[in-house]
Amino acid sequence: MTRLSADGGKILYSSFTYSLFVPGSGGVFYLYDPLASNGVFYRRTLDDPPFRGVRCVANAASGAQGDFATGMIFTVKGPSIGSFLPATGRGPNNFLAGTEIRVEGRPCSILYTSLNQINAIFPFEVYGSPRMIEMEIFRDRVLVGKVSRFLNYADPAIFTIDGSGRGPAAALNEDGSLNSEDNPAKVGSIIVLYITGAGEPITSERTGTIATEPGGALKRKVTVKIGNFFSPPSSEGEVLYAGDSPGSVRGLVQLNVRIPTDLIDHGAVMTRLTMIGSLLTSRSEPPVTIWVK
């Protein structure tokens, strides 16, 4: 819902509406409040500030709304759901600057909170069979939003340079340098990718803790396919390591992958993920790429 200036050249107001929306006359409309116990409609105008509440829950790597996965780093957006002053956490932060998120009674570790955005880690303690779950968001102990999503085995996505979930991956070459157009990786060399949404690890992890050494092997195999449309179907990278990224929060998964020697593509090359046991793959459009020479 958007309000434009008289000449149509400037956006004065823009917001998502609730699913139940009733238009009125003279700029008046009515919105359903999902937090009200009796299903209340409120009279609003475009001059009123939007209700606080959840508008978007997405994988932090892809930016795509979809399923939850154990240990996934995710982003919640909505008006007035987080802290008035931005705050960043490192390590377990179940209550950061008045912000709290719970899933099935288990706290999510908060990585970042601001007025309209929260970044957090889905609790490792919530796992098991795929099912619908409810997430609750609190600010200063007051419930400000609820959202229901499907908990799947995995919802993998690759982190990219610009954080959009598309385009060049935030990848390292074998020598530890940043992979880029001016610094491409060689065919047959090792590339390091960073993903989230990989699901439950073999060993139990504490949500929000920092990995001090390699570990945290995944329960499900990760397959990385590298190549554009003209590459052989067998252009599958050899995954040498899939687990914790030392020095980073658990939930960020590091993949060390050997670029296939039969790869015939060069330049920006498509890189896709598949996790056995999950029906999901990375779904970025345009796709995530790495630079290869």
C-alpha atoms as a PDB file:
ATOM      1  CA  MET A   1       0.000   0.000   0.000  1.00  0.00           C
ATOM      2  CA  THR A   2       1.614   3.239  -1.157  1.00  0.00           C
ATOM      3  CA  ARG A   3       0.778   6.939  -1.038  1.00  0.00           C
ATOM      4  CA  LEU A   4       2.341   9.165  -3.710  1.00  0.00           C
ATOM      5  CA  SER A   5       2.880  12.904  -3.883  1.00  0.00           C
ATOM      6  CA  ALA A   6       0.422  14.966  -5.938  1.00  0.00           C
ATOM      7  CA  ASP A   7       2.650  14.786  -9.021  1.00  0.00           C
ATOM      8  CA  GLY A   8       3.238  11.049  -8.535  1.00  0.00           C
ATOM      9  CA  GLY A   9       6.995  11.505  -8.400  1.00  0.00           C
ATOM     10  CA  LYS A  10       7.646  10.728  -4.730  1.00  0.00           C
ATOM     11  CA  ILE A  11       6.589   8.001  -2.331  1.00  0.00           C
ATOM     12  CA  LEU A  12       5.234   9.577   0.859  1.00  0.00           C
ATOM     13  CA  TYR A  13       4.227   6.363   2.622  1.00  0.00           C
ATOM     14  CA  SER A  14       4.566   2.663   1.900  1.00  0.00           C
ATOM     15  CA  SER A  15       3.755  -0.414   3.967  1.00  0.00           C
ATOM     16  CA  PHE A  16       2.605  -3.993   3.787  1.00  0.00           C
ATOM     17  CA  THR A  17      -0.994  -4.506   4.922  1.00  0.00           C
ATOM     18  CA  TYR A  18      -2.469  -7.361   6.885  1.00  0.00           C
ATOM     19  CA  SER A  19      -4.150 -10.137   4.961  1.00  0.00           C
ATOM     20  CA  LEU A  20      -7.612  -8.850   5.908  1.00  0.00           C
ATOM     21  CA  PHE A  21      -8.001  -5.339   4.500  1.00  0.00           C
ATOM     22  CA  VAL A  22     -11.235  -3.397   3.995  1.00  0.00           C
ATOM     23  CA  PRO A  23     -11.097  -0.150   1.978  1.00  0.00           C
ATOM     24  CA  GLY A  24     -13.242   2.801   2.983  1.00  0.00           C
ATOM     25  CA  SER A  25     -13.835   6.223   1.516  1.00  0.00           C
ATOM     26  CA  GLY A  26     -11.835   9.439   1.796  1.00  0.00           C
ATOM     27  CA  GLY A  27      -8.545   7.627   2.442  1.00  0.00           C
ATOM     28  CA  VAL A  28      -9.937   5.571   5.317  1.00  0.00           C
ATOM     29  CA  PHE A  29      -9.397   1.814   5.533  1.00  0.00           C
ATOM     30  CA  TYR A  30      -9.757  -0.950   8.111  1.00  0.00           C
ATOM     31  CA  LEU A  31      -7.097  -3.460   9.173  1.00  0.00           C
ATOM     32  CA  TYR A  32      -7.397  -6.694  11.099  1.00  0.00           C
ATOM     33  CA  ASP A  33      -5.159  -6.892  14.170  1.00  0.00           C
ATOM     34  CA  PRO A  34      -3.774 -10.483  14.411  1.00  0.00           C
ATOM     35  CA  LEU A  35      -2.677  -9.894  18.024  1.00  0.00           C
ATOM     36  CA  ALA A  36      -6.186  -9.101  19.227  1.00  0.00           C
ATOM     37  CA  SER A  37      -7.923 -12.063  20.844  1.00  0.00           C
ATOM     38  CA  ASN A  38     -11.362 -11.297  19.412  1.00  0.00           C
ATOM     39  CA  GLY A  39     -10.431 -10.432  15.847  1.00  0.00           C
ATOM     40  CA  VAL A  40     -10.615  -6.654  15.909  1.00  0.00           C
ATOM     41  CA  PHE A  41     -10.696  -4.350  12.876  1.00  0.00           C
ATOM     42  CA  TYR A  42      -9.078  -0.951  13.339  1.00  0.00           C
ATOM     43  CA  ARG A  43      -9.928   2.247  11.474  1.00  0.00           C
ATOM     44  CA  ARG A  44      -6.805   3.719   9.883  1.00  0.00           C
ATOM     45  CA  THR A  45      -5.703   6.418   7.443  1.00  0.00           C
ATOM     46  CA  LEU A  46      -2.536   6.790   5.434  1.00  0.00           C
ATOM     47  CA  ASP A  47      -1.389   9.463   7.860  1.00  0.00           C
ATOM     48  CA  ASP A  48      -1.348   6.986  10.749  1.00  0.00           C
ATOM     49  CA  PRO A  49       1.880   5.093  11.546  1.00  0.00           C
ATOM     50  CA  PRO A  50       1.704   1.382  10.681  1.00  0.00           C
ATOM     51  CA  PHE A  51       0.966  -1.211  13.338  1.00  0.00           C
ATOM     52  CA  ARG A  52       4.069  -2.869  14.645  1.00  0.00           C
ATOM     53  CA  GLY A  53       4.355  -6.537  13.806  1.00  0.00           C
ATOM     54  CA  VAL A  54       6.077  -9.071  11.552  1.00  0.00           C
ATOM     55  CA  ARG A  55       5.993  -8.433   7.813  1.00  0.00           C
ATOM     56  CA  CYS A  56       8.793 -10.704   6.593  1.00  0.00           C
ATOM     57  CA  VAL A  57      10.844 -13.666   7.838  1.00  0.00           C
ATOM     58  CA  ALA A  58      13.644 -14.734   5.499  1.00  0.00           C
ATOM     59  CA  ASN A  59      16.840 -16.760   5.230  1.00  0.00           C
ATOM     60  CA  ALA A  60      19.623 -14.242   5.965  1.00  0.00           C
ATOM     61  CA  ALA A  61      21.746 -15.496   3.059  1.00  0.00           C
ATOM     62  CA  SER A  62      19.159 -15.638   0.275  1.00  0.00           C
ATOM     63  CA  GLY A  63      16.714 -13.016   1.518  1.00  0.00           C
ATOM     64  CA  ALA A  64      13.964 -15.413   0.437  1.00  0.00           C
ATOM     65  CA  GLN A  65      10.952 -16.165   2.606  1.00  0.00           C
ATOM     66  CA  GLY A  66      10.542 -19.883   3.040  1.00  0.00           C
ATOM     67  CA  ASP A  67      10.974 -22.646   5.574  1.00  0.00           C
ATOM     68  CA  PHE A  68      12.873 -22.632   8.847  1.00  0.00           C
ATOM     69  CA  ALA A  69      15.800 -24.946   9.472  1.00  0.00           C
ATOM     70  CA  THR A  70      17.642 -25.830  12.661  1.00  0.00           C
ATOM     71  CA  GLY A  71      20.526 -23.418  13.220  1.00  0.00           C
ATOM     72  CA  MET A  72      19.536 -21.131  10.339  1.00  0.00           C
ATOM     73  CA  ILE A  73      20.510 -17.468  10.488  1.00  0.00           C
ATOM     74  CA  PHE A  74      17.364 -15.545   9.618  1.00  0.00           C
ATOM     75  CA  THR A  75      16.045 -11.988   9.340  1.00  0.00           C
ATOM     76  CA  VAL A  76      12.743 -10.663  10.677  1.00  0.00           C
ATOM     77  CA  LYS A  77      11.402  -7.332   9.400  1.00  0.00           C
ATOM     78  CA  GLY A  78       8.439  -5.254  10.460  1.00  0.00           C
ATOM     79  CA  PRO A  79       7.597  -1.837  11.919  1.00  0.00           C
ATOM     80  CA  SER A  80       8.620  -1.290  15.563  1.00  0.00           C
ATOM     81  CA  ILE A  81       9.515  -4.903  16.362  1.00  0.00           C
ATOM     82  CA  GLY A  82      13.041  -4.369  17.667  1.00  0.00           C
ATOM     83  CA  SER A  83      15.189  -1.988  19.662  1.00  0.00           C
ATOM     84  CA  PHE A  84      14.877   1.776  19.240  1.00  0.00           C
ATOM     85  CA  LEU A  85      18.696   1.959  19.151  1.00  0.00           C
ATOM     86  CA  PRO A  86      20.528  -0.596  16.967  1.00  0.00           C
ATOM     87  CA  ALA A  87      22.501  -3.198  18.907  1.00  0.00           C
ATOM     88  CA  THR A  88      24.796  -6.023  17.822  1.00  0.00           C
ATOM     89  CA  GLY A  89      25.509  -9.185  19.790  1.00  0.00           C
ATOM     90  CA  ARG A  90      28.249 -11.795  19.697  1.00  0.00           C
ATOM     91  CA  GLY A  91      27.787 -15.075  21.478  1.00  0.00           C
ATOM     92  CA  PRO A  92      24.520 -16.269  23.057  1.00  0.00           C
ATOM     93  CA  ASN A  93      22.157 -13.290  23.333  1.00  0.00           C
ATOM     94  CA  ASN A  94      18.689 -14.460  24.237  1.00  0.00           C
ATOM     95  CA  PHE A  95      17.675 -10.942  25.291  1.00  0.00           C
ATOM     96  CA  LEU A  96      19.482  -8.168  23.406  1.00  0.00           C
ATOM     97  CA  ALA A  97      18.495  -4.520  23.920  1.00  0.00           C
ATOM     98  CA  GLY A  98      15.011  -5.607  24.974  1.00  0.00           C
ATOM     99  CA  THR A  99      14.567  -7.900  21.957  1.00  0.00           C
ATOM    100  CA  GLU A 100      13.634 -11.557  22.346  1.00  0.00           C
ATOM    101  CA  ILE A 101      12.465 -14.286  19.939  1.00  0.00           C
ATOM    102  CA  ARG A 102      11.154 -17.695  21.002  1.00  0.00           C
ATOM    103  CA  VAL A 103      10.333 -20.864  19.082  1.00  0.00           C
ATOM    104  CA  GLU A 104       8.472 -23.641  20.901  1.00  0.00           C
ATOM    105  CA  GLY A 105       9.593 -21.991  24.139  1.00  0.00           C
ATOM    106  CA  ARG A 106      13.263 -22.015  23.098  1.00  0.00           C
ATOM    107  CA  PRO A 107      15.125 -18.707  22.721  1.00  0.00           C
ATOM    108  CA  CYS A 108      16.764 -17.658  19.474  1.00  0.00           C
ATOM    109  CA  SER A 109      20.174 -16.024  19.793  1.00  0.00           C
ATOM    110  CA  ILE A 110      19.876 -12.379  18.651  1.00  0.00           C
ATOM    111  CA  LEU A 111      22.708 -11.173  16.416  1.00  0.00           C
ATOM    112  CA  TYR A 112      21.327  -7.734  15.595  1.00  0.00           C
ATOM    113  CA  THR A 113      18.306  -5.662  16.500  1.00  0.00           C
ATOM    114  CA  SER A 114      17.013  -2.316  15.295  1.00  0.00           C
ATOM    115  CA  LEU A 115      13.607  -0.684  15.195  1.00  0.00           C
ATOM    116  CA  ASN A 116      12.398  -2.507  12.072  1.00  0.00           C
ATOM    117  CA  GLN A 117      14.777  -5.474  11.691  1.00  0.00           C
ATOM    118  CA  ILE A 118      16.105  -8.359  13.782  1.00  0.00           C
ATOM    119  CA  ASN A 119      18.747 -10.921  12.762  1.00  0.00           C
ATOM    120  CA  ALA A 120      18.842 -14.108  14.815  1.00  0.00           C
ATOM    121  CA  ILE A 121      19.732 -17.809  14.853  1.00  0.00           C
ATOM    122  CA  PHE A 122      17.051 -20.479  14.878  1.00  0.00           C
ATOM    123  CA  PRO A 123      17.656 -22.609  18.007  1.00  0.00           C
ATOM    124  CA  PHE A 124      19.644 -25.817  17.589  1.00  0.00           C
ATOM    125  CA  GLU A 125      17.462 -27.276  20.335  1.00  0.00           C
ATOM    126  CA  VAL A 126      14.440 -27.270  18.000  1.00  0.00           C
ATOM    127  CA  TYR A 127      14.797 -30.101  15.490  1.00  0.00           C
ATOM    128  CA  GLY A 128      13.214 -33.355  14.384  1.00  0.00           C
ATOM    129  CA  SER A 129      10.437 -34.185  11.966  1.00  0.00           C
ATOM    130  CA  PRO A 130       9.201 -31.463   9.594  1.00  0.00           C
ATOM    131  CA  ARG A 131       6.224 -29.610  11.114  1.00  0.00           C
ATOM    132  CA  MET A 132       4.551 -26.234  11.428  1.00  0.00           C
ATOM    133  CA  ILE A 133       5.948 -24.137  14.246  1.00  0.00           C
ATOM    134  CA  GLU A 134       5.134 -20.726  15.707  1.00  0.00           C
ATOM    135  CA  MET A 135       7.674 -17.982  16.342  1.00  0.00           C
ATOM    136  CA  GLU A 136       6.985 -15.204  18.863  1.00  0.00           C
ATOM    137  CA  ILE A 137       8.768 -11.824  18.885  1.00  0.00           C
ATOM    138  CA  PHE A 138       8.933  -9.741  22.072  1.00  0.00           C
ATOM    139  CA  ARG A 139      10.099  -6.189  22.713  1.00  0.00           C
ATOM    140  CA  ASP A 140      10.652  -5.245  26.356  1.00  0.00           C
ATOM    141  CA  ARG A 141       8.809  -8.440  27.353  1.00  0.00           C
ATOM    142  CA  VAL A 142       5.725  -7.439  25.331  1.00  0.00           C
ATOM    143  CA  LEU A 143       4.559  -9.647  22.443  1.00  0.00           C
ATOM    144  CA  VAL A 144       4.790  -7.618  19.234  1.00  0.00           C
ATOM    145  CA  GLY A 145       4.375 -10.312  16.585  1.00  0.00           C
ATOM    146  CA  LYS A 146       3.784 -13.943  15.746  1.00  0.00           C
ATOM    147  CA  VAL A 147       4.516 -15.914  12.607  1.00  0.00           C
ATOM    148  CA  SER A 148       4.078 -19.572  11.633  1.00  0.00           C
ATOM    149  CA  ARG A 149       6.436 -21.369   9.276  1.00  0.00           C
ATOM    150  CA  PHE A 150       7.260 -24.936   8.265  1.00  0.00           C
ATOM    151  CA  LEU A 151      10.339 -26.428   9.925  1.00  0.00           C
ATOM    152  CA  ASN A 152      12.142 -28.452   7.268  1.00  0.00           C
ATOM    153  CA  TYR A 153      15.306 -30.539   7.381  1.00  0.00           C
ATOM    154  CA  ALA A 154      17.194 -27.762   5.622  1.00  0.00           C
ATOM    155  CA  ASP A 155      16.776 -24.502   3.721  1.00  0.00           C
ATOM    156  CA  PRO A 156      20.302 -23.890   2.403  1.00  0.00           C
ATOM    157  CA  ALA A 157      21.508 -20.676   0.800  1.00  0.00           C
ATOM    158  CA  ILE A 158      24.888 -19.153  -0.044  1.00  0.00           C
ATOM    159  CA  PHE A 159      26.009 -15.794   1.339  1.00  0.00           C
ATOM    160  CA  THR A 160      26.883 -13.275  -1.372  1.00  0.00           C
ATOM    161  CA  ILE A 161      29.097 -10.205  -1.536  1.00  0.00           C
ATOM    162  CA  ASP A 162      26.271  -7.671  -1.425  1.00  0.00           C
ATOM    163  CA  GLY A 163      24.067  -9.668   0.962  1.00  0.00           C
ATOM    164  CA  SER A 164      21.250  -9.980  -1.575  1.00  0.00           C
ATOM    165  CA  GLY A 165      21.527 -13.755  -2.026  1.00  0.00           C
ATOM    166  CA  ARG A 166      22.316 -13.372  -5.715  1.00  0.00           C
ATOM    167  CA  GLY A 167      25.331 -12.560  -7.843  1.00  0.00           C
ATOM    168  CA  PRO A 168      28.964 -13.127  -6.729  1.00  0.00           C
ATOM    169  CA  ALA A 169      29.322 -15.359  -3.676  1.00  0.00           C
ATOM    170  CA  ALA A 170      31.225 -14.182  -0.600  1.00  0.00           C
ATOM    171  CA  ALA A 171      33.844 -16.823  -1.363  1.00  0.00           C
ATOM    172  CA  LEU A 172      37.547 -17.275  -0.685  1.00  0.00           C
ATOM    173  CA  ASN A 173      40.104 -18.750  -3.039  1.00  0.00           C
ATOM    174  CA  GLU A 174      42.502 -21.496  -1.980  1.00  0.00           C
ATOM    175  CA  ASP A 175      45.091 -18.926  -0.815  1.00  0.00           C
ATOM    176  CA  GLY A 176      42.535 -17.199   1.430  1.00  0.00           C
ATOM    177  CA  SER A 177      42.037 -14.187  -0.845  1.00  0.00           C
ATOM    178  CA  LEU A 178      38.584 -12.940  -1.829  1.00  0.00           C
ATOM    179  CA  ASN A 179      37.229 -14.513  -5.010  1.00  0.00           C
ATOM    180  CA  SER A 180      36.420 -11.776  -7.528  1.00  0.00           C
ATOM    181  CA  GLU A 181      36.427 -10.929 -11.213  1.00  0.00           C
ATOM    182  CA  ASP A 182      40.006  -9.673 -10.866  1.00  0.00           C
ATOM    183  CA  ASN A 183      40.993 -12.628  -8.681  1.00  0.00           C
ATOM    184  CA  PRO A 184      39.247 -15.745 -10.043  1.00  0.00           C
ATOM    185  CA  ALA A 185      39.828 -19.291  -8.805  1.00  0.00           C
ATOM    186  CA  LYS A 186      41.571 -21.894 -10.928  1.00  0.00           C
ATOM    187  CA  VAL A 187      39.827 -25.027 -12.172  1.00  0.00           C
ATOM    188  CA  GLY A 188      40.759 -27.843  -9.790  1.00  0.00           C
ATOM    189  CA  SER A 189      41.519 -25.506  -6.890  1.00  0.00           C
ATOM    190  CA  ILE A 190      39.584 -25.241  -3.621  1.00  0.00           C
ATOM    191  CA  ILE A 191      36.953 -22.549  -3.089  1.00  0.00           C
ATOM    192  CA  VAL A 192      35.475 -21.656   0.323  1.00  0.00           C
ATOM    193  CA  LEU A 193      31.734 -20.871   0.472  1.00  0.00           C
ATOM    194  CA  TYR A 194      29.637 -19.745   3.433  1.00  0.00           C
ATOM    195  CA  ILE A 195      26.039 -20.894   3.805  1.00  0.00           C
ATOM    196  CA  THR A 196      23.253 -21.058   6.353  1.00  0.00           C
ATOM    197  CA  GLY A 197      20.109 -23.139   6.676  1.00  0.00           C
ATOM    198  CA  ALA A 198      22.060 -26.407   6.544  1.00  0.00           C
ATOM    199  CA  GLY A 199      19.992 -28.001   9.286  1.00  0.00           C
ATOM    200  CA  GLU A 200      20.825 -30.153  12.254  1.00  0.00           C
ATOM    201  CA  PRO A 201      24.490 -31.064  12.946  1.00  0.00           C
ATOM    202  CA  ILE A 202      25.547 -34.521  14.101  1.00  0.00           C
ATOM    203  CA  THR A 203      26.663 -33.237  17.498  1.00  0.00           C
ATOM    204  CA  SER A 204      24.487 -30.970  19.635  1.00  0.00           C
ATOM    205  CA  GLU A 205      25.455 -27.300  19.548  1.00  0.00           C
ATOM    206  CA  ARG A 206      24.549 -24.433  21.841  1.00  0.00           C
ATOM    207  CA  THR A 207      22.699 -21.705  19.983  1.00  0.00           C
ATOM    208  CA  GLY A 208      24.741 -18.534  19.533  1.00  0.00           C
ATOM    209  CA  THR A 209      28.117 -19.957  20.585  1.00  0.00           C
ATOM    210  CA  ILE A 210      31.289 -19.184  18.635  1.00  0.00           C
ATOM    211  CA  ALA A 211      33.134 -22.029  16.905  1.00  0.00           C
ATOM    212  CA  THR A 212      36.761 -22.153  18.029  1.00  0.00           C
ATOM    213  CA  GLU A 213      37.858 -24.986  15.747  1.00  0.00           C
ATOM    214  CA  PRO A 214      36.571 -27.055  12.810  1.00  0.00           C
ATOM    215  CA  GLY A 215      33.657 -29.334  13.655  1.00  0.00           C
ATOM    216  CA  GLY A 216      29.881 -29.427  13.658  1.00  0.00           C
ATOM    217  CA  ALA A 217      29.548 -31.943  10.833  1.00  0.00           C
ATOM    218  CA  LEU A 218      26.095 -31.952   9.239  1.00  0.00           C
ATOM    219  CA  LYS A 219      23.618 -34.811   9.359  1.00  0.00           C
ATOM    220  CA  ARG A 220      22.836 -34.422   5.669  1.00  0.00           C
ATOM    221  CA  LYS A 221      25.188 -34.425   2.736  1.00  0.00           C
ATOM    222  CA  VAL A 222      25.705 -31.179   0.865  1.00  0.00           C
ATOM    223  CA  THR A 223      26.063 -31.332  -2.920  1.00  0.00           C
ATOM    224  CA  VAL A 224      27.577 -28.354  -4.750  1.00  0.00           C
ATOM    225  CA  LYS A 225      27.118 -28.125  -8.500  1.00  0.00           C
ATOM    226  CA  ILE A 226      29.340 -25.660 -10.319  1.00  0.00           C
ATOM    227  CA  GLY A 227      28.785 -24.732 -13.946  1.00  0.00           C
ATOM    228  CA  ASN A 228      26.551 -22.929 -16.391  1.00  0.00           C
ATOM    229  CA  PHE A 229      24.153 -24.474 -18.886  1.00  0.00           C
ATOM    230  CA  PHE A 230      26.868 -25.836 -21.182  1.00  0.00           C
ATOM    231  CA  SER A 231      28.905 -27.628 -18.504  1.00  0.00           C
ATOM    232  CA  PRO A 232      28.772 -31.427 -18.276  1.00  0.00           C
ATOM    233  CA  PRO A 233      25.998 -32.651 -15.960  1.00  0.00           C
ATOM    234  CA  SER A 234      28.705 -34.260 -13.822  1.00  0.00           C
ATOM    235  CA  SER A 235      30.286 -30.896 -12.902  1.00  0.00           C
ATOM    236  CA  GLU A 236      29.907 -31.446  -9.200  1.00  0.00           C
ATOM    237  CA  GLY A 237      32.384 -29.952  -6.791  1.00  0.00           C
ATOM    238  CA  GLU A 238      34.063 -32.272  -4.299  1.00  0.00           C
ATOM    239  CA  VAL A 239      32.991 -31.144  -0.812  1.00  0.00           C
ATOM    240  CA  LEU A 240      36.087 -31.587   1.351  1.00  0.00           C
ATOM    241  CA  TYR A 241      34.645 -29.973   4.482  1.00  0.00           C
ATOM    242  CA  ALA A 242      31.177 -28.915   5.633  1.00  0.00           C
ATOM    243  CA  GLY A 243      30.844 -27.622   9.169  1.00  0.00           C
ATOM    244  CA  ASP A 244      31.546 -24.798  11.586  1.00  0.00           C
ATOM    245  CA  SER A 245      33.536 -21.778  10.443  1.00  0.00           C
ATOM    246  CA  PRO A 246      36.175 -21.230  13.159  1.00  0.00           C
ATOM    247  CA  GLY A 247      35.841 -17.793  14.716  1.00  0.00           C
ATOM    248  CA  SER A 248      32.237 -17.392  13.570  1.00  0.00           C
ATOM    249  CA  VAL A 249      28.892 -18.017  15.209  1.00  0.00           C
ATOM    250  CA  ARG A 250      27.510 -21.531  14.874  1.00  0.00           C
ATOM    251  CA  GLY A 251      24.839 -21.481  12.185  1.00  0.00           C
ATOM    252  CA  LEU A 252      27.271 -20.062   9.656  1.00  0.00           C
ATOM    253  CA  VAL A 253      28.469 -23.164   7.788  1.00  0.00           C
ATOM    254  CA  GLN A 254      31.737 -23.277   5.869  1.00  0.00           C
ATOM    255  CA  LEU A 255      32.079 -25.386   2.727  1.00  0.00           C
ATOM    256  CA  ASN A 256      35.488 -26.207   1.274  1.00  0.00           C
ATOM    257  CA  VAL A 257      34.818 -27.328  -2.288  1.00  0.00           C
ATOM    258  CA  ARG A 258      37.177 -28.410  -5.061  1.00  0.00           C
ATOM    259  CA  ILE A 259      36.159 -26.886  -8.395  1.00  0.00           C
ATOM    260  CA  PRO A 260      35.609 -29.791 -10.825  1.00  0.00           C
ATOM    261  CA  THR A 261      38.449 -30.408 -13.236  1.00  0.00           C
ATOM    262  CA  ASP A 262      36.008 -31.044 -16.103  1.00  0.00           C
ATOM    263  CA  LEU A 263      34.513 -27.564 -15.791  1.00  0.00           C
ATOM    264  CA  ILE A 264      34.541 -25.846 -19.175  1.00  0.00           C
ATOM    265  CA  ASP A 265      32.977 -22.546 -18.096  1.00  0.00           C
ATOM    266  CA  HIS A 266      34.990 -19.485 -17.171  1.00  0.00           C
ATOM    267  CA  GLY A 267      34.109 -16.084 -15.760  1.00  0.00           C
ATOM    268  CA  ALA A 268      31.016 -15.885 -13.549  1.00  0.00           C
ATOM    269  CA  VAL A 269      29.997 -19.523 -13.052  1.00  0.00           C
ATOM    270  CA  MET A 270      26.717 -20.652 -11.451  1.00  0.00           C
ATOM    271  CA  THR A 271      27.012 -22.341  -8.057  1.00  0.00           C
ATOM    272  CA  ARG A 272      24.063 -24.297  -6.642  1.00  0.00           C
ATOM    273  CA  LEU A 273      23.403 -26.267  -3.462  1.00  0.00           C
ATOM    274  CA  THR A 274      21.425 -29.425  -2.831  1.00  0.00           C
ATOM    275  CA  MET A 275      21.048 -31.202   0.486  1.00  0.00           C
ATOM    276  CA  ILE A 276      20.181 -34.884   0.514  1.00  0.00           C
ATOM    277  CA  GLY A 277      17.127 -35.450   2.712  1.00  0.00           C
ATOM    278  CA  SER A 278      15.731 -32.040   1.837  1.00  0.00           C
ATOM    279  CA  LEU A 279      13.489 -31.129  -1.067  1.00  0.00           C
ATOM    280  CA  LEU A 280      15.082 -27.692  -1.195  1.00  0.00           C
ATOM    281  CA  THR A 281      18.014 -26.237  -3.064  1.00  0.00           C
ATOM    282  CA  SER A 282      19.359 -22.723  -3.260  1.00  0.00           C
ATOM    283  CA  ARG A 283      16.699 -20.805  -5.181  1.00  0.00           C
ATOM    284  CA  SER A 284      18.318 -17.468  -5.978  1.00  0.00           C
ATOM    285  CA  GLU A 285      17.328 -15.880  -9.281  1.00  0.00           C
ATOM    286  CA  PRO A 286      19.610 -14.638 -10.789  1.00  0.00           C
ATOM    287  CA  PRO A 287      21.846 -17.430  -9.463  1.00  0.00           C
ATOM    288  CA  VAL A 288      24.818 -17.200  -7.122  1.00  0.00           C
ATOM    289  CA  THR A 289      28.149 -17.282  -8.971  1.00  0.00           C
ATOM    290  CA  ILE A 290      31.877 -17.677  -8.372  1.00  0.00           C
ATOM    291  CA  TRP A 291      34.655 -16.383 -10.615  1.00  0.00           C
ATOM    292  CA  VAL A 292      36.682 -19.091 -12.349  1.00  0.00           C
ATOM    293  CA  LYS A 293      39.565 -18.965 -14.822  1.00  0.00           C
END
